[in-house]
Amino acid sequence: MISEELLSLLVCPMGKAPLRLEDGALVCSRCGLRFAVQDDIPNMLVEEAELPEGCHSLADLECVRSGDAKVDPT
């Protein structure tokens, strides 16, 4: 289980918004990216995160559309 202290330090690597613990995953409070947690270790790699419903690519995320985050085109 991720401690509240660690959770308070972690932010989404895309738009730097706070994360919340939801169904065993860390979820961005702004864009909805879901980061898996395995053996109490969060996987914060954007490339391996689960996109929120309705998003087909990272470019569809609210933080990217607003200009607060950028997507590497490669």
PDB file of N, CA and C in Angstrom:
ATOM      1  N   MET A   1       0.846  -1.188   0.000  1.00  0.00           N
ATOM      2  CA  MET A   1       0.000   0.000   0.000  1.00  0.00           C
ATOM      3  C   MET A   1       0.885   1.243   0.000  1.00  0.00           C
ATOM      4  N   ILE A   2       0.565   2.184  -0.846  1.00  0.00           N
ATOM      5  CA  ILE A   2       1.311   3.433  -0.920  1.00  0.00           C
ATOM      6  C   ILE A   2       0.916   4.308   0.264  1.00  0.00           C
ATOM      7  N   SER A   3       1.917   4.827   0.952  1.00  0.00           N
ATOM      8  CA  SER A   3       1.654   5.657   2.127  1.00  0.00           C
ATOM      9  C   SER A   3       1.088   7.014   1.708  1.00  0.00           C
ATOM     10  N   GLU A   4       0.368   7.631   2.609  1.00  0.00           N
ATOM     11  CA  GLU A   4      -0.180   8.965   2.362  1.00  0.00           C
ATOM     12  C   GLU A   4       0.948   9.970   2.153  1.00  0.00           C
ATOM     13  N   GLU A   5       2.063   9.760   2.852  1.00  0.00           N
ATOM     14  CA  GLU A   5       3.213  10.660   2.708  1.00  0.00           C
ATOM     15  C   GLU A   5       3.765  10.602   1.281  1.00  0.00           C
ATOM     16  N   LEU A   6       3.945   9.392   0.741  1.00  0.00           N
ATOM     17  CA  LEU A   6       4.429   9.248  -0.630  1.00  0.00           C
ATOM     18  C   LEU A   6       3.407   9.806  -1.613  1.00  0.00           C
ATOM     19  N   LEU A   7       2.152   9.502  -1.400  1.00  0.00           N
ATOM     20  CA  LEU A   7       1.094   9.969  -2.300  1.00  0.00           C
ATOM     21  C   LEU A   7       1.070  11.495  -2.356  1.00  0.00           C
ATOM     22  N   SER A   8       1.343  12.151  -1.249  1.00  0.00           N
ATOM     23  CA  SER A   8       1.324  13.620  -1.235  1.00  0.00           C
ATOM     24  C   SER A   8       2.485  14.216  -2.022  1.00  0.00           C
ATOM     25  N   LEU A   9       3.524  13.440  -2.285  1.00  0.00           N
ATOM     26  CA  LEU A   9       4.685  13.919  -3.032  1.00  0.00           C
ATOM     27  C   LEU A   9       4.579  13.659  -4.534  1.00  0.00           C
ATOM     28  N   LEU A  10       3.807  12.656  -4.924  1.00  0.00           N
ATOM     29  CA  LEU A  10       3.731  12.254  -6.321  1.00  0.00           C
ATOM     30  C   LEU A  10       2.782  13.139  -7.110  1.00  0.00           C
ATOM     31  N   VAL A  11       3.180  13.460  -8.331  1.00  0.00           N
ATOM     32  CA  VAL A  11       2.334  14.216  -9.253  1.00  0.00           C
ATOM     33  C   VAL A  11       2.375  13.532 -10.615  1.00  0.00           C
ATOM     34  N   CYS A  12       1.414  13.832 -11.439  1.00  0.00           N
ATOM     35  CA  CYS A  12       1.375  13.296 -12.797  1.00  0.00           C
ATOM     36  C   CYS A  12       2.568  13.834 -13.577  1.00  0.00           C
ATOM     37  N   PRO A  13       3.310  12.974 -14.254  1.00  0.00           N
ATOM     38  CA  PRO A  13       4.446  13.456 -15.030  1.00  0.00           C
ATOM     39  C   PRO A  13       4.046  14.302 -16.243  1.00  0.00           C
ATOM     40  N   MET A  14       2.813  14.278 -16.631  1.00  0.00           N
ATOM     41  CA  MET A  14       2.375  15.076 -17.782  1.00  0.00           C
ATOM     42  C   MET A  14       2.095  16.523 -17.381  1.00  0.00           C
ATOM     43  N   GLY A  15       1.088  16.755 -16.566  1.00  0.00           N
ATOM     44  CA  GLY A  15       0.673  18.119 -16.219  1.00  0.00           C
ATOM     45  C   GLY A  15       0.977  18.531 -14.797  1.00  0.00           C
ATOM     46  N   LYS A  16       1.661  17.657 -14.056  1.00  0.00           N
ATOM     47  CA  LYS A  16       2.075  17.927 -12.666  1.00  0.00           C
ATOM     48  C   LYS A  16       0.911  18.083 -11.695  1.00  0.00           C
ATOM     49  N   ALA A  17      -0.243  17.515 -12.014  1.00  0.00           N
ATOM     50  CA  ALA A  17      -1.401  17.558 -11.124  1.00  0.00           C
ATOM     51  C   ALA A  17      -1.276  16.469 -10.062  1.00  0.00           C
ATOM     52  N   PRO A  18      -1.919  16.651  -8.913  1.00  0.00           N
ATOM     53  CA  PRO A  18      -1.890  15.628  -7.862  1.00  0.00           C
ATOM     54  C   PRO A  18      -2.502  14.312  -8.344  1.00  0.00           C
ATOM     55  N   LEU A  19      -2.072  13.227  -7.708  1.00  0.00           N
ATOM     56  CA  LEU A  19      -2.591  11.898  -8.004  1.00  0.00           C
ATOM     57  C   LEU A  19      -3.459  11.426  -6.859  1.00  0.00           C
ATOM     58  N   ARG A  20      -4.396  10.544  -7.180  1.00  0.00           N
ATOM     59  CA  ARG A  20      -5.223   9.913  -6.138  1.00  0.00           C
ATOM     60  C   ARG A  20      -5.109   8.408  -6.316  1.00  0.00           C
ATOM     61  N   LEU A  21      -5.263   7.688  -5.238  1.00  0.00           N
ATOM     62  CA  LEU A  21      -5.231   6.230  -5.279  1.00  0.00           C
ATOM     63  C   LEU A  21      -6.642   5.736  -5.545  1.00  0.00           C
ATOM     64  N   GLU A  22      -6.800   4.947  -6.613  1.00  0.00           N
ATOM     65  CA  GLU A  22      -8.131   4.476  -7.011  1.00  0.00           C
ATOM     66  C   GLU A  22      -8.019   3.056  -7.543  1.00  0.00           C
ATOM     67  N   ASP A  23      -8.653   2.121  -6.879  1.00  0.00           N
ATOM     68  CA  ASP A  23      -8.670   0.716  -7.314  1.00  0.00           C
ATOM     69  C   ASP A  23      -7.270   0.165  -7.573  1.00  0.00           C
ATOM     70  N   GLY A  24      -6.312   0.492  -6.689  1.00  0.00           N
ATOM     71  CA  GLY A  24      -4.971  -0.045  -6.795  1.00  0.00           C
ATOM     72  C   GLY A  24      -4.093   0.624  -7.832  1.00  0.00           C
ATOM     73  N   ALA A  25      -4.537   1.749  -8.397  1.00  0.00           N
ATOM     74  CA  ALA A  25      -3.747   2.503  -9.374  1.00  0.00           C
ATOM     75  C   ALA A  25      -3.688   3.956  -8.938  1.00  0.00           C
ATOM     76  N   LEU A  26      -2.701   4.665  -9.433  1.00  0.00           N
ATOM     77  CA  LEU A  26      -2.622   6.108  -9.217  1.00  0.00           C
ATOM     78  C   LEU A  26      -3.255   6.797 -10.409  1.00  0.00           C
ATOM     79  N   VAL A  27      -4.172   7.708 -10.151  1.00  0.00           N
ATOM     80  CA  VAL A  27      -4.928   8.372 -11.209  1.00  0.00           C
ATOM     81  C   VAL A  27      -4.707   9.875 -11.109  1.00  0.00           C
ATOM     82  N   CYS A  28      -4.383  10.483 -12.235  1.00  0.00           N
ATOM     83  CA  CYS A  28      -4.193  11.928 -12.269  1.00  0.00           C
ATOM     84  C   CYS A  28      -5.533  12.621 -12.026  1.00  0.00           C
ATOM     85  N   SER A  29      -5.522  13.581 -11.119  1.00  0.00           N
ATOM     86  CA  SER A  29      -6.756  14.295 -10.786  1.00  0.00           C
ATOM     87  C   SER A  29      -7.190  15.256 -11.890  1.00  0.00           C
ATOM     88  N   ARG A  30      -6.313  15.513 -12.845  1.00  0.00           N
ATOM     89  CA  ARG A  30      -6.671  16.429 -13.938  1.00  0.00           C
ATOM     90  C   ARG A  30      -6.968  15.701 -15.247  1.00  0.00           C
ATOM     91  N   CYS A  31      -6.017  14.904 -15.734  1.00  0.00           N
ATOM     92  CA  CYS A  31      -6.192  14.308 -17.065  1.00  0.00           C
ATOM     93  C   CYS A  31      -6.721  12.876 -17.022  1.00  0.00           C
ATOM     94  N   GLY A  32      -6.646  12.228 -15.865  1.00  0.00           N
ATOM     95  CA  GLY A  32      -7.200  10.886 -15.743  1.00  0.00           C
ATOM     96  C   GLY A  32      -6.270   9.753 -16.116  1.00  0.00           C
ATOM     97  N   LEU A  33      -5.010  10.036 -16.464  1.00  0.00           N
ATOM     98  CA  LEU A  33      -4.063   8.945 -16.730  1.00  0.00           C
ATOM     99  C   LEU A  33      -3.991   8.027 -15.518  1.00  0.00           C
ATOM    100  N   ARG A  34      -3.931   6.709 -15.778  1.00  0.00           N
ATOM    101  CA  ARG A  34      -3.863   5.723 -14.698  1.00  0.00           C
ATOM    102  C   ARG A  34      -2.502   5.047 -14.728  1.00  0.00           C
ATOM    103  N   PHE A  35      -1.816   5.112 -13.597  1.00  0.00           N
ATOM    104  CA  PHE A  35      -0.496   4.514 -13.451  1.00  0.00           C
ATOM    105  C   PHE A  35      -0.612   3.282 -12.566  1.00  0.00           C
ATOM    106  N   ALA A  36      -0.140   2.161 -13.075  1.00  0.00           N
ATOM    107  CA  ALA A  36      -0.223   0.898 -12.342  1.00  0.00           C
ATOM    108  C   ALA A  36       0.689   0.934 -11.115  1.00  0.00           C
ATOM    109  N   VAL A  37       0.283   0.191 -10.097  1.00  0.00           N
ATOM    110  CA  VAL A  37       1.095   0.007  -8.898  1.00  0.00           C
ATOM    111  C   VAL A  37       1.265  -1.491  -8.715  1.00  0.00           C
ATOM    112  N   GLN A  38       2.514  -1.951  -8.720  1.00  0.00           N
ATOM    113  CA  GLN A  38       2.791  -3.377  -8.530  1.00  0.00           C
ATOM    114  C   GLN A  38       3.775  -3.532  -7.381  1.00  0.00           C
ATOM    115  N   ASP A  39       3.427  -4.387  -6.435  1.00  0.00           N
ATOM    116  CA  ASP A  39       4.256  -4.607  -5.253  1.00  0.00           C
ATOM    117  C   ASP A  39       4.568  -3.290  -4.555  1.00  0.00           C
ATOM    118  N   ASP A  40       3.582  -2.430  -4.453  1.00  0.00           N
ATOM    119  CA  ASP A  40       3.683  -1.120  -3.801  1.00  0.00           C
ATOM    120  C   ASP A  40       4.634  -0.158  -4.501  1.00  0.00           C
ATOM    121  N   ILE A  41       4.978  -0.425  -5.746  1.00  0.00           N
ATOM    122  CA  ILE A  41       5.865   0.447  -6.517  1.00  0.00           C
ATOM    123  C   ILE A  41       5.068   1.026  -7.684  1.00  0.00           C
ATOM    124  N   PRO A  42       4.900   2.358  -7.701  1.00  0.00           N
ATOM    125  CA  PRO A  42       4.159   2.958  -8.811  1.00  0.00           C
ATOM    126  C   PRO A  42       4.992   3.001 -10.091  1.00  0.00           C
ATOM    127  N   ASN A  43       4.368   2.666 -11.191  1.00  0.00           N
ATOM    128  CA  ASN A  43       5.004   2.752 -12.505  1.00  0.00           C
ATOM    129  C   ASN A  43       4.561   4.084 -13.113  1.00  0.00           C
ATOM    130  N   MET A  44       5.452   5.064 -13.060  1.00  0.00           N
ATOM    131  CA  MET A  44       5.099   6.409 -13.490  1.00  0.00           C
ATOM    132  C   MET A  44       5.514   6.700 -14.938  1.00  0.00           C
ATOM    133  N   LEU A  45       5.774   5.661 -15.704  1.00  0.00           N
ATOM    134  CA  LEU A  45       6.121   5.845 -17.113  1.00  0.00           C
ATOM    135  C   LEU A  45       4.864   6.188 -17.911  1.00  0.00           C
ATOM    136  N   VAL A  46       4.876   7.342 -18.529  1.00  0.00           N
ATOM    137  CA  VAL A  46       3.716   7.802 -19.300  1.00  0.00           C
ATOM    138  C   VAL A  46       3.393   6.825 -20.417  1.00  0.00           C
ATOM    139  N   GLU A  47       4.422   6.264 -21.027  1.00  0.00           N
ATOM    140  CA  GLU A  47       4.231   5.337 -22.140  1.00  0.00           C
ATOM    141  C   GLU A  47       3.491   4.068 -21.726  1.00  0.00           C
ATOM    142  N   GLU A  48       3.521   3.731 -20.456  1.00  0.00           N
ATOM    143  CA  GLU A  48       2.865   2.521 -19.963  1.00  0.00           C
ATOM    144  C   GLU A  48       1.580   2.821 -19.193  1.00  0.00           C
ATOM    145  N   ALA A  49       1.223   4.089 -19.077  1.00  0.00           N
ATOM    146  CA  ALA A  49       0.006   4.474 -18.366  1.00  0.00           C
ATOM    147  C   ALA A  49      -1.223   4.149 -19.203  1.00  0.00           C
ATOM    148  N   GLU A  50      -2.334   3.945 -18.524  1.00  0.00           N
ATOM    149  CA  GLU A  50      -3.610   3.672 -19.194  1.00  0.00           C
ATOM    150  C   GLU A  50      -4.319   5.000 -19.452  1.00  0.00           C
ATOM    151  N   LEU A  51      -4.703   5.215 -20.695  1.00  0.00           N
ATOM    152  CA  LEU A  51      -5.412   6.438 -21.061  1.00  0.00           C
ATOM    153  C   LEU A  51      -6.822   6.426 -20.490  1.00  0.00           C
ATOM    154  N   PRO A  52      -7.351   7.587 -20.133  1.00  0.00           N
ATOM    155  CA  PRO A  52      -8.733   7.641 -19.655  1.00  0.00           C
ATOM    156  C   PRO A  52      -9.712   7.365 -20.798  1.00  0.00           C
ATOM    157  N   GLU A  53     -10.904   7.005 -20.434  1.00  0.00           N
ATOM    158  CA  GLU A  53     -11.937   6.729 -21.424  1.00  0.00           C
ATOM    159  C   GLU A  53     -12.144   7.943 -22.323  1.00  0.00           C
ATOM    160  N   GLY A  54     -12.228   7.711 -23.602  1.00  0.00           N
ATOM    161  CA  GLY A  54     -12.440   8.785 -24.567  1.00  0.00           C
ATOM    162  C   GLY A  54     -11.164   9.351 -25.154  1.00  0.00           C
ATOM    163  N   CYS A  55     -10.026   9.006 -24.588  1.00  0.00           N
ATOM    164  CA  CYS A  55      -8.737   9.465 -25.123  1.00  0.00           C
ATOM    165  C   CYS A  55      -8.134   8.343 -25.951  1.00  0.00           C
ATOM    166  N   HIS A  56      -7.681   8.689 -27.141  1.00  0.00           N
ATOM    167  CA  HIS A  56      -7.084   7.697 -28.024  1.00  0.00           C
ATOM    168  C   HIS A  56      -5.573   7.831 -28.098  1.00  0.00           C
ATOM    169  N   SER A  57      -5.064   8.960 -27.602  1.00  0.00           N
ATOM    170  CA  SER A  57      -3.622   9.175 -27.567  1.00  0.00           C
ATOM    171  C   SER A  57      -3.312  10.201 -26.480  1.00  0.00           C
ATOM    172  N   LEU A  58      -2.030  10.346 -26.158  1.00  0.00           N
ATOM    173  CA  LEU A  58      -1.627  11.330 -25.157  1.00  0.00           C
ATOM    174  C   LEU A  58      -2.015  12.744 -25.592  1.00  0.00           C
ATOM    175  N   ALA A  59      -2.046  12.999 -26.885  1.00  0.00           N
ATOM    176  CA  ALA A  59      -2.412  14.325 -27.393  1.00  0.00           C
ATOM    177  C   ALA A  59      -3.846  14.705 -27.044  1.00  0.00           C
ATOM    178  N   ASP A  60      -4.691  13.720 -26.728  1.00  0.00           N
ATOM    179  CA  ASP A  60      -6.086  13.990 -26.375  1.00  0.00           C
ATOM    180  C   ASP A  60      -6.264  14.405 -24.918  1.00  0.00           C
ATOM    181  N   LEU A  61      -5.225  14.283 -24.103  1.00  0.00           N
ATOM    182  CA  LEU A  61      -5.333  14.606 -22.680  1.00  0.00           C
ATOM    183  C   LEU A  61      -5.581  16.098 -22.486  1.00  0.00           C
ATOM    184  N   GLU A  62      -6.348  16.439 -21.485  1.00  0.00           N
ATOM    185  CA  GLU A  62      -6.712  17.824 -21.213  1.00  0.00           C
ATOM    186  C   GLU A  62      -5.477  18.681 -20.960  1.00  0.00           C
ATOM    187  N   CYS A  63      -4.492  18.157 -20.245  1.00  0.00           N
ATOM    188  CA  CYS A  63      -3.290  18.942 -19.934  1.00  0.00           C
ATOM    189  C   CYS A  63      -2.468  19.231 -21.194  1.00  0.00           C
ATOM    190  N   VAL A  64      -2.518  18.352 -22.178  1.00  0.00           N
ATOM    191  CA  VAL A  64      -1.800  18.577 -23.434  1.00  0.00           C
ATOM    192  C   VAL A  64      -2.569  19.576 -24.291  1.00  0.00           C
ATOM    193  N   ARG A  65      -3.868  19.399 -24.384  1.00  0.00           N
ATOM    194  CA  ARG A  65      -4.693  20.320 -25.186  1.00  0.00           C
ATOM    195  C   ARG A  65      -4.619  21.756 -24.669  1.00  0.00           C
ATOM    196  N   SER A  66      -4.479  21.919 -23.348  1.00  0.00           N
ATOM    197  CA  SER A  66      -4.424  23.262 -22.762  1.00  0.00           C
ATOM    198  C   SER A  66      -3.025  23.872 -22.863  1.00  0.00           C
ATOM    199  N   GLY A  67      -2.036  23.074 -23.247  1.00  0.00           N
ATOM    200  CA  GLY A  67      -0.677  23.578 -23.378  1.00  0.00           C
ATOM    201  C   GLY A  67       0.173  23.444 -22.134  1.00  0.00           C
ATOM    202  N   ASP A  68      -0.362  22.828 -21.081  1.00  0.00           N
ATOM    203  CA  ASP A  68       0.390  22.650 -19.841  1.00  0.00           C
ATOM    204  C   ASP A  68       1.370  21.485 -19.910  1.00  0.00           C
ATOM    205  N   ALA A  69       1.197  20.619 -20.879  1.00  0.00           N
ATOM    206  CA  ALA A  69       2.098  19.462 -21.070  1.00  0.00           C
ATOM    207  C   ALA A  69       2.329  19.299 -22.564  1.00  0.00           C
ATOM    208  N   LYS A  70       3.448  18.708 -22.888  1.00  0.00           N
ATOM    209  CA  LYS A  70       3.773  18.476 -24.297  1.00  0.00           C
ATOM    210  C   LYS A  70       4.017  16.990 -24.529  1.00  0.00           C
ATOM    211  N   VAL A  71       3.719  16.558 -25.738  1.00  0.00           N
ATOM    212  CA  VAL A  71       3.926  15.180 -26.124  1.00  0.00           C
ATOM    213  C   VAL A  71       5.065  15.140 -27.120  1.00  0.00           C
ATOM    214  N   ASP A  72       6.023  14.264 -26.871  1.00  0.00           N
ATOM    215  CA  ASP A  72       7.132  14.084 -27.806  1.00  0.00           C
ATOM    216  C   ASP A  72       6.600  13.361 -29.033  1.00  0.00           C
ATOM    217  N   PRO A  73       6.704  13.944 -30.215  1.00  0.00           N
ATOM    218  CA  PRO A  73       6.120  13.344 -31.418  1.00  0.00           C
ATOM    219  C   PRO A  73       6.830  12.078 -31.891  1.00  0.00           C
ATOM    220  N   THR A  74       7.996  11.737 -31.332  1.00  0.00           N
ATOM    221  CA  THR A  74       8.712  10.549 -31.790  1.00  0.00           C
ATOM    222  C   THR A  74       8.212   9.298 -31.134  1.00  0.00           C
TER     223      THR A  74
END
